[in-house]
Structures are given as C-alpha cells and as structure tokens.
Amino acid sequence: MTYWLLRYMMIAFLSFYNRLSIEGSENLDKKKQYIFAANHLSFLDLPILIAAIKKPIIVPFKSNFFNRFIEGSLSHLVNGVPVKNGTMCKESLQVIIKNVKEGKSLLIAPEGRISRNGKLQEFRDGSSFIAFKTGIPVVPVAIINADKALPLKKILPRPYKIKVKIGKPIITDFSDVNKERVKEYTELIRKEILILLNRG
C-alpha cells in the first residue's frame, strides 16, 4: 500500500513538473515478472522509474543506507534490497536472485554509477547473470533528460521534460549458460538501451 501511494505521488509530481511521458508500457505482460535494466543519469532516476513501471519492483541499495534514517526509510519504501559495499558481490547476487525467484521484479542500473557526461557507460554483467540464474528476461529501459532535470550536485529538480522508453523483453535460452553468453547478453541489453536513447 505504501509503495503504491509513493508511486502515485511520483506520477503526480513528475507528470505536472517534468511533463513525464512513458512509451512502451504495452510491451509488458501484467502477469509476468521482469528484470528492468535502465541507464543511470541522475538521483532522479529511481522516482522516475517507480512512476513509469506499472508493477512493484525491488531495488538494490548500498547496505549502509539501511543504517541511516532518511536513506533507510526510502530504501524500505521502495522495496530496497541491501547490497554489500554497493557492489554485486556473490553474497549480494544470491540475495537478489532469491528475491527474484520468489516472484519479484527487479530494477537495476547495469552501469553501476551515474554517468557524468550523459553518455551510456560500459555495463557490468550483474543483470545478465541474474537473468540466466532465474530465467527472467531483461527489459531495456531508456531514461531521457533526467540529468538535465536534476544534475549532479544539485538538490532541487528543474522543469525539464522527461521521457521514459520501455523496450521489449530480451528473450534468449537461459538454460545454456556460460561466461561468454552472459557477456553477450549484457552487450545486447546495452545495445537495446542505446537504440531506445538514439530514437529520442
């Protein structure tokens, strides 16, 4: 209930202040779960994606966030999953995989950090590894203009128009897993997000 209230608040604010537009929701089956992989431009990305994705999601957070009042409260509100030292170590991956196997959809930023120049960075293999371990496909998601709406080192958002583009689930044979296939899938995710970004 609290998550949905937060989502509707994000929709109301972003729709009014940033004229949020969402494309590609029709690509998703309401009855299925997904791993959503998005580019990372701003601290505003998470509220944007909570508003854009019409299903509850779990989100990896640095484990030390849960020990702080403000960050900890936010982490719990958005179904945060603690990630040790903010990295996808074996222990953190096992926690996330367990949650996904329990039927939860996952939101992840494969770049691992905010892009400082607005360009798509190299991807880490975490989202691909989780996909192969759970059999849940990755959905590429492109966020446009979040860095203009809330640049790094700024506190208050600016009224730039924000767009979210949701791609189609990337289906593959998840039973055939090895390092090369995981890396190939990672590159395919990055390619699909890049295509969405380049379409404007």
Protein backbone atom coordinates (compact mmCIF):
# COMPACT_ATOMS: atom_id res chain seq x y z
CA MET A 1 0.00 0.00 0.00
CA THR A 2 2.79 2.42 0.96
CA TYR A 3 4.69 1.62 -2.25
CA TRP A 4 1.65 2.33 -4.43
CA LEU A 5 0.98 5.60 -2.58
CA LEU A 6 4.58 6.63 -3.20
CA ARG A 7 4.24 5.67 -6.87
CA TYR A 8 1.10 7.77 -7.37
CA MET A 9 2.82 10.72 -5.69
CA MET A 10 5.78 10.36 -8.07
CA ILE A 11 3.44 10.16 -11.07
CA ALA A 12 1.56 13.28 -9.98
CA PHE A 13 4.70 15.34 -9.36
CA LEU A 14 6.69 14.25 -12.41
CA SER A 15 3.70 14.50 -14.76
CA PHE A 16 3.00 18.06 -13.65
CA TYR A 17 6.52 19.41 -13.09
CA ASN A 18 8.53 17.47 -15.67
CA ARG A 19 5.76 16.53 -18.13
CA LEU A 20 6.77 12.89 -17.78
CA SER A 21 5.92 10.77 -20.81
CA ILE A 22 6.16 6.98 -20.95
CA GLU A 23 6.41 4.88 -24.09
CA GLY A 24 6.35 1.10 -24.44
CA SER A 25 4.22 0.01 -21.49
CA GLU A 26 2.33 -2.18 -23.95
CA ASN A 27 5.50 -4.32 -24.28
CA LEU A 28 4.93 -5.74 -20.79
CA ASP A 29 2.64 -8.56 -19.70
CA LYS A 30 0.95 -7.55 -16.44
CA LYS A 31 1.04 -11.15 -15.22
CA LYS A 32 4.78 -11.67 -15.75
CA GLN A 33 7.83 -10.50 -13.81
CA TYR A 34 10.87 -8.87 -15.36
CA ILE A 35 14.35 -7.57 -14.71
CA PHE A 36 14.31 -3.90 -15.71
CA ALA A 37 17.71 -2.55 -16.80
CA ALA A 38 17.98 1.22 -17.20
CA ASN A 39 20.62 3.82 -17.96
CA HIS A 40 21.70 5.89 -14.95
CA LEU A 41 21.73 9.68 -15.36
CA SER A 42 20.63 11.20 -12.06
CA PHE A 43 19.45 10.67 -8.50
CA LEU A 44 16.02 11.36 -10.00
CA ASP A 45 16.14 8.07 -11.95
CA LEU A 46 14.58 5.96 -9.21
CA PRO A 47 11.47 8.15 -8.70
CA ILE A 48 11.11 8.33 -12.48
CA LEU A 49 11.21 4.55 -12.88
CA ILE A 50 8.88 3.92 -9.95
CA ALA A 51 6.39 6.19 -11.73
CA ALA A 52 6.97 4.59 -15.14
CA ILE A 53 6.85 0.88 -14.27
CA LYS A 54 3.34 -0.37 -13.53
CA LYS A 55 4.35 -3.15 -11.16
CA PRO A 56 6.14 -3.31 -7.80
CA ILE A 57 9.89 -3.67 -8.09
CA ILE A 58 12.80 -4.41 -5.80
CA VAL A 59 15.86 -2.16 -5.96
CA PRO A 60 19.45 -2.89 -4.86
CA PHE A 61 20.77 -0.32 -2.34
CA LYS A 62 24.10 0.00 -0.56
CA SER A 63 23.71 -1.88 2.72
CA ASN A 64 24.88 1.12 4.79
CA PHE A 65 21.85 3.09 3.53
CA PHE A 66 19.67 0.97 5.79
CA ASN A 67 21.51 2.28 8.85
CA ARG A 68 20.61 5.91 8.12
CA PHE A 69 17.22 7.38 8.92
CA ILE A 70 16.36 9.15 5.63
CA GLU A 71 18.08 6.76 3.23
CA GLY A 72 16.91 3.74 5.25
CA SER A 73 13.30 4.89 5.24
CA LEU A 74 13.44 5.47 1.47
CA SER A 75 15.08 2.09 0.91
CA HIS A 76 12.27 0.31 2.75
CA LEU A 77 9.58 2.32 0.95
CA VAL A 78 10.85 1.26 -2.47
CA ASN A 79 11.43 -2.40 -1.53
CA GLY A 80 15.18 -1.95 -1.24
CA VAL A 81 17.49 -4.97 -1.10
CA PRO A 82 20.80 -4.42 0.73
CA VAL A 83 23.90 -4.81 -1.45
CA LYS A 84 27.18 -5.20 0.41
CA ASN A 85 29.51 -2.22 -0.19
CA GLY A 86 27.32 -1.19 -3.13
CA THR A 87 28.83 -3.89 -5.35
CA MET A 88 27.39 -7.03 -6.90
CA CYS A 89 29.47 -9.49 -4.90
CA LYS A 90 28.49 -13.16 -4.70
CA GLU A 91 26.59 -12.66 -1.43
CA SER A 92 24.61 -9.69 -2.80
CA LEU A 93 23.76 -11.56 -6.00
CA GLN A 94 22.44 -14.51 -4.00
CA VAL A 95 20.11 -12.20 -2.02
CA ILE A 96 18.78 -10.59 -5.20
CA ILE A 97 18.39 -13.92 -7.01
CA LYS A 98 16.43 -15.28 -4.04
CA ASN A 99 14.04 -12.31 -4.20
CA VAL A 100 13.56 -12.67 -7.96
CA LYS A 101 12.91 -16.42 -7.63
CA GLU A 102 10.19 -15.53 -5.11
CA GLY A 103 8.34 -13.76 -7.92
CA LYS A 104 9.52 -10.16 -7.59
CA SER A 105 10.52 -7.91 -10.49
CA LEU A 106 13.91 -6.23 -10.25
CA LEU A 107 15.18 -2.79 -11.23
CA ILE A 108 18.90 -2.48 -11.85
CA ALA A 109 21.33 0.03 -13.39
CA PRO A 110 23.97 -2.06 -15.22
CA GLU A 111 26.35 0.93 -15.45
CA GLY A 112 26.74 0.74 -11.68
CA ARG A 113 27.02 4.51 -11.21
CA ILE A 114 25.66 7.78 -12.56
CA SER A 115 27.02 8.84 -15.93
CA ARG A 116 28.89 12.14 -15.53
CA ASN A 117 28.68 13.08 -19.20
CA GLY A 118 25.18 11.81 -20.00
CA LYS A 119 26.52 9.09 -22.28
CA LEU A 120 25.90 5.39 -21.83
CA GLN A 121 28.81 3.77 -19.99
CA GLU A 122 30.05 0.20 -20.12
CA PHE A 123 27.75 -2.35 -18.46
CA ARG A 124 28.51 -4.77 -15.68
CA ASP A 125 27.25 -8.35 -16.01
CA GLY A 126 25.04 -8.41 -12.89
CA SER A 127 21.68 -8.09 -14.64
CA SER A 128 22.61 -10.75 -17.21
CA PHE A 129 23.87 -13.13 -14.55
CA ILE A 130 20.62 -12.77 -12.59
CA ALA A 131 18.60 -13.34 -15.78
CA PHE A 132 20.42 -16.60 -16.52
CA LYS A 133 20.15 -17.77 -12.91
CA THR A 134 16.39 -17.08 -12.70
CA GLY A 135 15.18 -17.45 -16.29
CA ILE A 136 13.58 -14.00 -16.10
CA PRO A 137 14.17 -11.80 -19.18
CA VAL A 138 15.65 -8.32 -19.05
CA VAL A 139 13.59 -5.37 -20.25
CA PRO A 140 15.71 -2.46 -21.56
CA VAL A 141 14.60 0.96 -20.30
CA ALA A 142 15.88 4.34 -21.50
CA ILE A 143 15.58 7.50 -19.41
CA ILE A 144 15.91 10.78 -21.29
CA ASN A 145 16.72 14.20 -19.74
CA ALA A 146 16.91 13.13 -16.09
CA ASP A 147 20.42 14.62 -15.94
CA LYS A 148 19.03 17.97 -17.08
CA ALA A 149 16.14 17.81 -14.63
CA LEU A 150 18.43 17.03 -11.69
CA PRO A 151 22.16 17.40 -12.44
CA LEU A 152 24.78 16.05 -10.07
CA LYS A 153 25.43 18.25 -7.02
CA LYS A 154 22.02 19.90 -7.38
CA ILE A 155 19.28 19.45 -4.79
CA LEU A 156 16.16 20.85 -6.44
CA PRO A 157 14.87 19.44 -9.74
CA ARG A 158 14.38 21.62 -12.79
CA PRO A 159 11.28 21.58 -15.04
CA TYR A 160 12.85 19.74 -17.98
CA LYS A 161 10.61 17.35 -19.89
CA ILE A 162 11.46 13.73 -19.02
CA LYS A 163 10.79 10.72 -21.19
CA VAL A 164 10.96 7.01 -20.39
CA LYS A 165 11.08 4.41 -23.17
CA ILE A 166 10.41 0.78 -22.28
CA GLY A 167 11.67 -1.80 -24.75
CA LYS A 168 10.57 -5.37 -25.37
CA PRO A 169 11.79 -8.20 -23.11
CA ILE A 170 15.03 -9.67 -24.43
CA ILE A 171 14.33 -13.40 -24.76
CA THR A 172 17.08 -15.99 -25.01
CA ASP A 173 17.79 -19.59 -23.97
CA PHE A 174 18.61 -19.07 -20.30
CA SER A 175 19.31 -22.79 -19.77
CA ASP A 176 22.52 -22.57 -21.82
CA VAL A 177 24.74 -20.50 -19.51
CA ASN A 178 28.45 -19.70 -19.59
CA LYS A 179 30.58 -16.57 -19.19
CA GLU A 180 30.58 -15.80 -22.91
CA ARG A 181 26.78 -15.99 -23.17
CA VAL A 182 26.35 -13.79 -20.10
CA LYS A 183 28.65 -11.16 -21.62
CA GLU A 184 26.88 -11.38 -24.98
CA TYR A 185 23.54 -10.84 -23.23
CA THR A 186 25.00 -7.84 -21.37
CA GLU A 187 26.10 -6.29 -24.66
CA LEU A 188 22.68 -6.97 -26.16
CA ILE A 189 20.98 -5.17 -23.25
CA ARG A 190 23.31 -2.19 -23.70
CA LYS A 191 22.69 -2.16 -27.47
CA GLU A 192 18.89 -2.17 -26.99
CA ILE A 193 19.04 0.71 -24.47
CA LEU A 194 21.29 2.65 -26.86
CA ILE A 195 18.77 2.13 -29.66
CA LEU A 196 15.97 3.49 -27.43
CA LEU A 197 18.09 6.51 -26.48
CA ASN A 198 19.02 7.28 -30.07
CA ARG A 199 15.39 7.28 -31.13
CA GLY A 200 14.97 10.38 -28.93
